[in-house]
Amino acid sequence: MKKHAILFCITTILLIIACSKEPKSERLRLLTTPVWASDSILANGAEPAGTWVFLKRFSGEAKFNEDGTGYFGKFKGQWRMNQDETEITIITDSLPLPIITDIILLTSRDLKITTSVTNPLNLSESADIRMTFKAK
């Protein structure tokens, strides 16, 4: 009888742990499922040029892994969503500050984010950035 009680307790604990996992939100699933291919990057409404040319390093593919790691064009680092899943913060050793982006559009096929960043090459200069991606 004692063995049955112990087995019952262990089974109950395992069920509680298994059922207490929070399910992935729909927005997290949409963001982390595909590899995203950059579609466009604009700085103040135009292609990045001059001191903003470093933004082209975000071109290519982006992957947001569930564990908070990923790659974003030529950058590798960490990312996280804010609590209401309307922003993505990207942190990479390649840039002096995190980039906090607003999620404008997130579907199974399209990702559009915007942000305002300071130019690391000229700290007195900032730009409004818009990046769009398509799911591969």
N, C-alpha and C. Protein backbone atom coordinates (compact mmCIF):
# COMPACT_ATOMS: atom_id res chain seq x y z
N MET A 1 0.82 -1.19 0.00
CA MET A 1 0.00 0.00 0.00
C MET A 1 0.86 1.26 0.00
N LYS A 2 1.94 1.19 0.77
CA LYS A 2 2.84 2.34 0.85
C LYS A 2 3.45 2.65 -0.53
N LYS A 3 3.80 1.61 -1.29
CA LYS A 3 4.36 1.79 -2.63
C LYS A 3 3.35 2.45 -3.56
N HIS A 4 2.08 2.09 -3.42
CA HIS A 4 1.03 2.68 -4.25
C HIS A 4 0.86 4.17 -3.92
N ALA A 5 0.95 4.51 -2.66
CA ALA A 5 0.81 5.91 -2.24
C ALA A 5 1.96 6.75 -2.79
N ILE A 6 3.17 6.22 -2.74
CA ILE A 6 4.33 6.94 -3.27
C ILE A 6 4.20 7.09 -4.78
N LEU A 7 3.80 6.03 -5.45
CA LEU A 7 3.61 6.08 -6.91
C LEU A 7 2.52 7.10 -7.27
N PHE A 8 1.44 7.11 -6.49
CA PHE A 8 0.36 8.07 -6.72
C PHE A 8 0.87 9.50 -6.55
N CYS A 9 1.66 9.76 -5.51
CA CYS A 9 2.21 11.11 -5.28
C CYS A 9 3.13 11.55 -6.42
N ILE A 10 3.98 10.65 -6.84
CA ILE A 10 4.91 10.98 -7.95
C ILE A 10 4.12 11.25 -9.22
N THR A 11 3.13 10.43 -9.51
CA THR A 11 2.30 10.63 -10.70
C THR A 11 1.57 11.97 -10.64
N THR A 12 1.02 12.30 -9.48
CA THR A 12 0.31 13.57 -9.31
C THR A 12 1.24 14.75 -9.53
N ILE A 13 2.44 14.69 -8.97
CA ILE A 13 3.41 15.78 -9.15
C ILE A 13 3.78 15.93 -10.62
N LEU A 14 4.02 14.82 -11.30
CA LEU A 14 4.38 14.89 -12.72
C LEU A 14 3.24 15.47 -13.55
N LEU A 15 2.03 15.12 -13.24
CA LEU A 15 0.88 15.67 -13.96
C LEU A 15 0.74 17.17 -13.72
N ILE A 16 0.95 17.60 -12.50
CA ILE A 16 0.87 19.03 -12.19
C ILE A 16 1.93 19.80 -12.95
N ILE A 17 3.14 19.28 -12.96
CA ILE A 17 4.24 19.94 -13.68
C ILE A 17 3.93 19.99 -15.18
N ALA A 18 3.49 18.88 -15.74
CA ALA A 18 3.20 18.82 -17.18
C ALA A 18 2.06 19.76 -17.56
N CYS A 19 1.05 19.86 -16.73
CA CYS A 19 -0.10 20.69 -17.05
C CYS A 19 0.12 22.16 -16.75
N SER A 20 1.13 22.48 -15.93
CA SER A 20 1.35 23.87 -15.57
C SER A 20 2.19 24.63 -16.59
N LYS A 21 2.74 23.94 -17.59
CA LYS A 21 3.49 24.63 -18.64
C LYS A 21 2.56 25.57 -19.38
N GLU A 22 3.00 26.80 -19.54
CA GLU A 22 2.19 27.75 -20.29
C GLU A 22 2.29 27.42 -21.78
N PRO A 23 1.17 27.36 -22.46
CA PRO A 23 1.23 27.10 -23.90
C PRO A 23 1.84 28.31 -24.61
N LYS A 24 2.47 28.02 -25.74
CA LYS A 24 3.03 29.10 -26.55
C LYS A 24 1.90 29.98 -27.06
N SER A 25 2.11 31.29 -26.98
CA SER A 25 1.11 32.19 -27.53
C SER A 25 1.14 32.12 -29.06
N GLU A 26 0.08 32.56 -29.67
CA GLU A 26 -0.02 32.55 -31.13
C GLU A 26 1.06 33.46 -31.73
N ARG A 27 1.27 34.64 -31.15
CA ARG A 27 2.27 35.56 -31.69
C ARG A 27 3.68 34.98 -31.58
N LEU A 28 3.98 34.32 -30.47
CA LEU A 28 5.29 33.69 -30.31
C LEU A 28 5.45 32.58 -31.34
N ARG A 29 4.43 31.80 -31.55
CA ARG A 29 4.48 30.74 -32.56
C ARG A 29 4.69 31.32 -33.96
N LEU A 30 3.97 32.40 -34.28
CA LEU A 30 4.12 33.03 -35.60
C LEU A 30 5.54 33.55 -35.80
N LEU A 31 6.13 34.13 -34.76
CA LEU A 31 7.46 34.71 -34.88
C LEU A 31 8.55 33.65 -34.97
N THR A 32 8.42 32.56 -34.19
CA THR A 32 9.51 31.59 -34.09
C THR A 32 9.43 30.43 -35.07
N THR A 33 8.32 30.25 -35.74
CA THR A 33 8.20 29.10 -36.63
C THR A 33 9.02 29.25 -37.92
N PRO A 34 8.86 30.33 -38.69
CA PRO A 34 9.60 30.36 -39.96
C PRO A 34 11.00 30.96 -39.82
N VAL A 35 11.77 30.79 -40.87
CA VAL A 35 12.95 31.62 -41.09
C VAL A 35 12.43 32.79 -41.91
N TRP A 36 12.79 34.00 -41.51
CA TRP A 36 12.30 35.21 -42.20
C TRP A 36 13.36 35.71 -43.16
N ALA A 37 12.96 36.04 -44.39
CA ALA A 37 13.86 36.62 -45.39
C ALA A 37 13.55 38.11 -45.49
N SER A 38 14.59 38.95 -45.38
CA SER A 38 14.34 40.39 -45.43
C SER A 38 13.79 40.77 -46.79
N ASP A 39 12.79 41.64 -46.75
CA ASP A 39 12.13 42.11 -47.96
C ASP A 39 12.54 43.55 -48.25
N SER A 40 12.58 44.37 -47.19
CA SER A 40 13.01 45.76 -47.37
C SER A 40 13.50 46.33 -46.04
N ILE A 41 14.42 47.27 -46.15
CA ILE A 41 14.90 48.03 -45.00
C ILE A 41 14.96 49.48 -45.44
N LEU A 42 14.26 50.34 -44.70
CA LEU A 42 14.24 51.77 -45.01
C LEU A 42 14.67 52.57 -43.78
N ALA A 43 15.48 53.59 -44.02
CA ALA A 43 15.88 54.53 -42.97
C ALA A 43 15.33 55.89 -43.37
N ASN A 44 14.43 56.44 -42.57
CA ASN A 44 13.75 57.70 -42.90
C ASN A 44 13.11 57.64 -44.28
N GLY A 45 12.53 56.48 -44.62
CA GLY A 45 11.79 56.31 -45.86
C GLY A 45 12.63 56.02 -47.10
N ALA A 46 13.95 55.86 -46.94
CA ALA A 46 14.81 55.62 -48.10
C ALA A 46 15.74 54.43 -47.82
N GLU A 47 16.32 53.88 -48.88
CA GLU A 47 17.31 52.82 -48.72
C GLU A 47 18.46 53.33 -47.85
N PRO A 48 18.98 52.50 -46.94
CA PRO A 48 20.09 52.94 -46.10
C PRO A 48 21.31 53.31 -46.94
N ALA A 49 21.84 54.48 -46.66
CA ALA A 49 23.02 54.98 -47.39
C ALA A 49 23.86 55.80 -46.42
N GLY A 50 25.04 56.16 -46.87
CA GLY A 50 25.91 56.99 -46.05
C GLY A 50 26.24 56.29 -44.74
N THR A 51 26.09 57.02 -43.63
CA THR A 51 26.42 56.44 -42.33
C THR A 51 25.40 55.41 -41.89
N TRP A 52 24.28 55.29 -42.59
CA TRP A 52 23.25 54.30 -42.25
C TRP A 52 23.44 52.98 -42.99
N VAL A 53 24.47 52.88 -43.79
CA VAL A 53 24.69 51.68 -44.59
C VAL A 53 24.87 50.44 -43.70
N PHE A 54 25.27 50.61 -42.43
CA PHE A 54 25.42 49.46 -41.55
C PHE A 54 24.11 48.70 -41.38
N LEU A 55 22.96 49.36 -41.62
CA LEU A 55 21.67 48.70 -41.50
C LEU A 55 21.50 47.56 -42.51
N LYS A 56 22.23 47.64 -43.61
CA LYS A 56 22.14 46.57 -44.62
C LYS A 56 22.63 45.24 -44.06
N ARG A 57 23.36 45.29 -42.93
CA ARG A 57 23.81 44.05 -42.29
C ARG A 57 22.63 43.27 -41.71
N PHE A 58 21.45 43.92 -41.58
CA PHE A 58 20.25 43.21 -41.15
C PHE A 58 19.60 42.48 -42.33
N SER A 59 20.05 42.73 -43.56
CA SER A 59 19.50 42.05 -44.74
C SER A 59 19.89 40.58 -44.71
N GLY A 60 19.08 39.78 -45.35
CA GLY A 60 19.34 38.35 -45.39
C GLY A 60 18.23 37.63 -44.65
N GLU A 61 18.60 36.66 -43.84
CA GLU A 61 17.63 35.88 -43.12
C GLU A 61 17.64 36.24 -41.64
N ALA A 62 16.50 36.06 -41.01
CA ALA A 62 16.38 36.24 -39.56
C ALA A 62 15.66 35.02 -39.00
N LYS A 63 16.14 34.56 -37.86
CA LYS A 63 15.50 33.42 -37.19
C LYS A 63 15.40 33.74 -35.71
N PHE A 64 14.20 33.69 -35.19
CA PHE A 64 13.92 33.91 -33.78
C PHE A 64 13.66 32.55 -33.14
N ASN A 65 14.63 32.03 -32.41
CA ASN A 65 14.48 30.73 -31.76
C ASN A 65 13.68 30.88 -30.47
N GLU A 66 12.97 29.82 -30.10
CA GLU A 66 12.14 29.86 -28.89
C GLU A 66 12.95 30.12 -27.63
N ASP A 67 14.23 29.75 -27.63
CA ASP A 67 15.04 29.93 -26.43
C ASP A 67 15.58 31.36 -26.28
N GLY A 68 15.17 32.28 -27.17
CA GLY A 68 15.60 33.67 -27.07
C GLY A 68 16.90 33.98 -27.78
N THR A 69 17.44 33.04 -28.52
CA THR A 69 18.61 33.30 -29.34
C THR A 69 18.16 33.47 -30.79
N GLY A 70 19.07 33.92 -31.63
CA GLY A 70 18.71 34.02 -33.03
C GLY A 70 19.77 34.71 -33.84
N TYR A 71 19.48 34.86 -35.11
CA TYR A 71 20.33 35.64 -35.99
C TYR A 71 19.45 36.57 -36.79
N PHE A 72 20.02 37.71 -37.13
CA PHE A 72 19.28 38.80 -37.76
C PHE A 72 20.18 39.36 -38.84
N GLY A 73 20.14 38.77 -40.03
CA GLY A 73 21.08 39.15 -41.07
C GLY A 73 22.47 38.70 -40.66
N LYS A 74 23.40 39.63 -40.59
CA LYS A 74 24.78 39.31 -40.21
C LYS A 74 24.98 39.30 -38.69
N PHE A 75 23.97 39.69 -37.93
CA PHE A 75 24.09 39.78 -36.48
C PHE A 75 23.59 38.50 -35.81
N LYS A 76 24.24 38.12 -34.72
CA LYS A 76 23.77 37.02 -33.87
C LYS A 76 23.58 37.59 -32.48
N GLY A 77 22.61 37.05 -31.75
CA GLY A 77 22.42 37.55 -30.41
C GLY A 77 21.20 36.96 -29.75
N GLN A 78 20.63 37.76 -28.86
CA GLN A 78 19.44 37.35 -28.13
C GLN A 78 18.28 38.28 -28.51
N TRP A 79 17.08 37.81 -28.22
CA TRP A 79 15.89 38.61 -28.46
C TRP A 79 14.86 38.26 -27.39
N ARG A 80 13.92 39.16 -27.21
CA ARG A 80 12.79 38.89 -26.32
C ARG A 80 11.63 39.77 -26.72
N MET A 81 10.43 39.28 -26.41
CA MET A 81 9.21 40.06 -26.63
C MET A 81 8.82 40.71 -25.31
N ASN A 82 8.19 41.88 -25.39
CA ASN A 82 7.66 42.46 -24.16
C ASN A 82 6.43 41.66 -23.73
N GLN A 83 5.89 41.99 -22.57
CA GLN A 83 4.82 41.18 -21.99
C GLN A 83 3.57 41.12 -22.87
N ASP A 84 3.20 42.23 -23.51
CA ASP A 84 2.00 42.19 -24.35
C ASP A 84 2.31 41.84 -25.81
N GLU A 85 3.55 41.42 -26.07
CA GLU A 85 3.99 40.90 -27.37
C GLU A 85 3.79 41.89 -28.51
N THR A 86 4.04 43.16 -28.24
CA THR A 86 3.96 44.20 -29.28
C THR A 86 5.34 44.74 -29.65
N GLU A 87 6.36 44.32 -28.92
CA GLU A 87 7.73 44.78 -29.18
C GLU A 87 8.69 43.60 -29.14
N ILE A 88 9.75 43.74 -29.92
CA ILE A 88 10.86 42.79 -29.90
C ILE A 88 12.11 43.59 -29.56
N THR A 89 12.86 43.12 -28.57
CA THR A 89 14.15 43.72 -28.24
C THR A 89 15.23 42.78 -28.74
N ILE A 90 16.15 43.32 -29.54
CA ILE A 90 17.26 42.55 -30.10
C ILE A 90 18.55 43.04 -29.45
N ILE A 91 19.30 42.09 -28.90
CA ILE A 91 20.56 42.41 -28.23
C ILE A 91 21.67 41.65 -28.93
N THR A 92 22.70 42.37 -29.36
CA THR A 92 23.83 41.75 -30.01
C THR A 92 25.10 42.46 -29.57
N ASP A 93 26.18 41.71 -29.45
CA ASP A 93 27.47 42.31 -29.09
C ASP A 93 27.98 43.22 -30.20
N SER A 94 27.43 43.11 -31.40
CA SER A 94 27.89 43.90 -32.54
C SER A 94 27.40 45.34 -32.50
N LEU A 95 26.39 45.63 -31.69
CA LEU A 95 25.85 46.99 -31.58
C LEU A 95 25.94 47.45 -30.13
N PRO A 96 26.19 48.75 -29.92
CA PRO A 96 26.40 49.23 -28.55
C PRO A 96 25.15 49.22 -27.67
N LEU A 97 23.96 49.30 -28.27
CA LEU A 97 22.72 49.33 -27.50
C LEU A 97 21.73 48.33 -28.06
N PRO A 98 20.81 47.84 -27.23
CA PRO A 98 19.74 46.98 -27.75
C PRO A 98 18.86 47.76 -28.73
N ILE A 99 18.26 47.05 -29.66
CA ILE A 99 17.31 47.65 -30.59
C ILE A 99 15.92 47.19 -30.17
N ILE A 100 15.07 48.16 -29.84
CA ILE A 100 13.69 47.86 -29.44
C ILE A 100 12.79 48.21 -30.61
N THR A 101 12.10 47.21 -31.14
CA THR A 101 11.27 47.40 -32.32
C THR A 101 9.80 47.23 -31.98
N ASP A 102 8.95 47.95 -32.68
CA ASP A 102 7.50 47.77 -32.58
C ASP A 102 7.07 46.79 -33.66
N ILE A 103 6.26 45.83 -33.29
CA ILE A 103 5.72 44.88 -34.27
C ILE A 103 4.49 45.52 -34.89
N ILE A 104 4.58 45.87 -36.16
CA ILE A 104 3.47 46.49 -36.88
C ILE A 104 2.57 45.42 -37.50
N LEU A 105 3.19 44.37 -38.02
CA LEU A 105 2.45 43.29 -38.67
C LEU A 105 3.17 41.98 -38.39
N LEU A 106 2.42 40.96 -37.98
CA LEU A 106 2.97 39.63 -37.76
C LEU A 106 1.90 38.62 -38.15
N THR A 107 2.15 37.95 -39.28
CA THR A 107 1.27 36.88 -39.75
C THR A 107 2.16 35.68 -40.06
N SER A 108 1.57 34.62 -40.54
CA SER A 108 2.37 33.45 -40.90
C SER A 108 3.27 33.72 -42.11
N ARG A 109 3.00 34.78 -42.85
CA ARG A 109 3.78 35.09 -44.06
C ARG A 109 4.57 36.38 -43.98
N ASP A 110 4.15 37.32 -43.14
CA ASP A 110 4.74 38.65 -43.14
C ASP A 110 5.11 39.12 -41.73
N LEU A 111 6.25 39.83 -41.65
CA LEU A 111 6.69 40.48 -40.43
C LEU A 111 7.13 41.88 -40.80
N LYS A 112 6.56 42.87 -40.12
CA LYS A 112 6.94 44.26 -40.34
C LYS A 112 7.22 44.88 -38.98
N ILE A 113 8.43 45.43 -38.81
CA ILE A 113 8.81 46.06 -37.56
C ILE A 113 9.33 47.46 -37.83
N THR A 114 9.17 48.33 -36.85
CA THR A 114 9.70 49.69 -36.95
C THR A 114 10.44 50.02 -35.67
N THR A 115 11.35 50.96 -35.78
CA THR A 115 12.10 51.42 -34.62
C THR A 115 12.73 52.77 -34.93
N SER A 116 13.19 53.42 -33.93
CA SER A 116 13.99 54.63 -34.09
C SER A 116 15.32 54.34 -33.44
N VAL A 117 16.40 54.50 -34.18
CA VAL A 117 17.73 54.17 -33.64
C VAL A 117 18.68 55.34 -33.80
N THR A 118 19.65 55.36 -32.90
CA THR A 118 20.75 56.31 -32.98
C THR A 118 21.85 55.65 -33.79
N ASN A 119 22.47 56.40 -34.66
CA ASN A 119 23.54 55.90 -35.49
C ASN A 119 24.79 55.68 -34.64
N PRO A 120 25.29 54.44 -34.53
CA PRO A 120 26.48 54.20 -33.71
C PRO A 120 27.74 54.89 -34.27
N LEU A 121 27.70 55.29 -35.54
CA LEU A 121 28.83 56.00 -36.14
C LEU A 121 28.74 57.50 -35.96
N ASN A 122 27.55 58.00 -35.60
CA ASN A 122 27.33 59.43 -35.38
C ASN A 122 26.20 59.57 -34.37
N LEU A 123 26.54 59.66 -33.09
CA LEU A 123 25.55 59.61 -32.01
C LEU A 123 24.58 60.78 -32.00
N SER A 124 24.85 61.82 -32.77
CA SER A 124 23.91 62.94 -32.84
C SER A 124 22.85 62.73 -33.92
N GLU A 125 22.92 61.61 -34.63
CA GLU A 125 22.03 61.33 -35.74
C GLU A 125 21.13 60.13 -35.41
N SER A 126 19.83 60.26 -35.66
CA SER A 126 18.92 59.13 -35.47
C SER A 126 18.02 59.01 -36.70
N ALA A 127 17.40 57.85 -36.83
CA ALA A 127 16.54 57.62 -37.99
C ALA A 127 15.39 56.70 -37.60
N ASP A 128 14.28 56.86 -38.31
CA ASP A 128 13.15 55.95 -38.19
C ASP A 128 13.38 54.82 -39.18
N ILE A 129 13.38 53.61 -38.67
CA ILE A 129 13.70 52.43 -39.48
C ILE A 129 12.44 51.58 -39.64
N ARG A 130 12.26 51.06 -40.85
CA ARG A 130 11.20 50.10 -41.12
C ARG A 130 11.82 48.90 -41.82
N MET A 131 11.55 47.71 -41.26
CA MET A 131 12.05 46.47 -41.86
C MET A 131 10.87 45.56 -42.13
N THR A 132 10.85 44.96 -43.31
CA THR A 132 9.81 43.99 -43.63
C THR A 132 10.47 42.66 -44.01
N PHE A 133 9.80 41.59 -43.65
CA PHE A 133 10.31 40.24 -43.89
C PHE A 133 9.19 39.37 -44.42
N LYS A 134 9.57 38.37 -45.20
CA LYS A 134 8.66 37.35 -45.71
C LYS A 134 9.10 36.00 -45.17
N ALA A 135 8.12 35.15 -44.81
CA ALA A 135 8.45 33.79 -44.34
C ALA A 135 9.00 32.98 -45.51
N LYS A 136 10.04 32.21 -45.25
CA LYS A 136 10.61 31.34 -46.28
C LYS A 136 9.85 30.03 -46.33
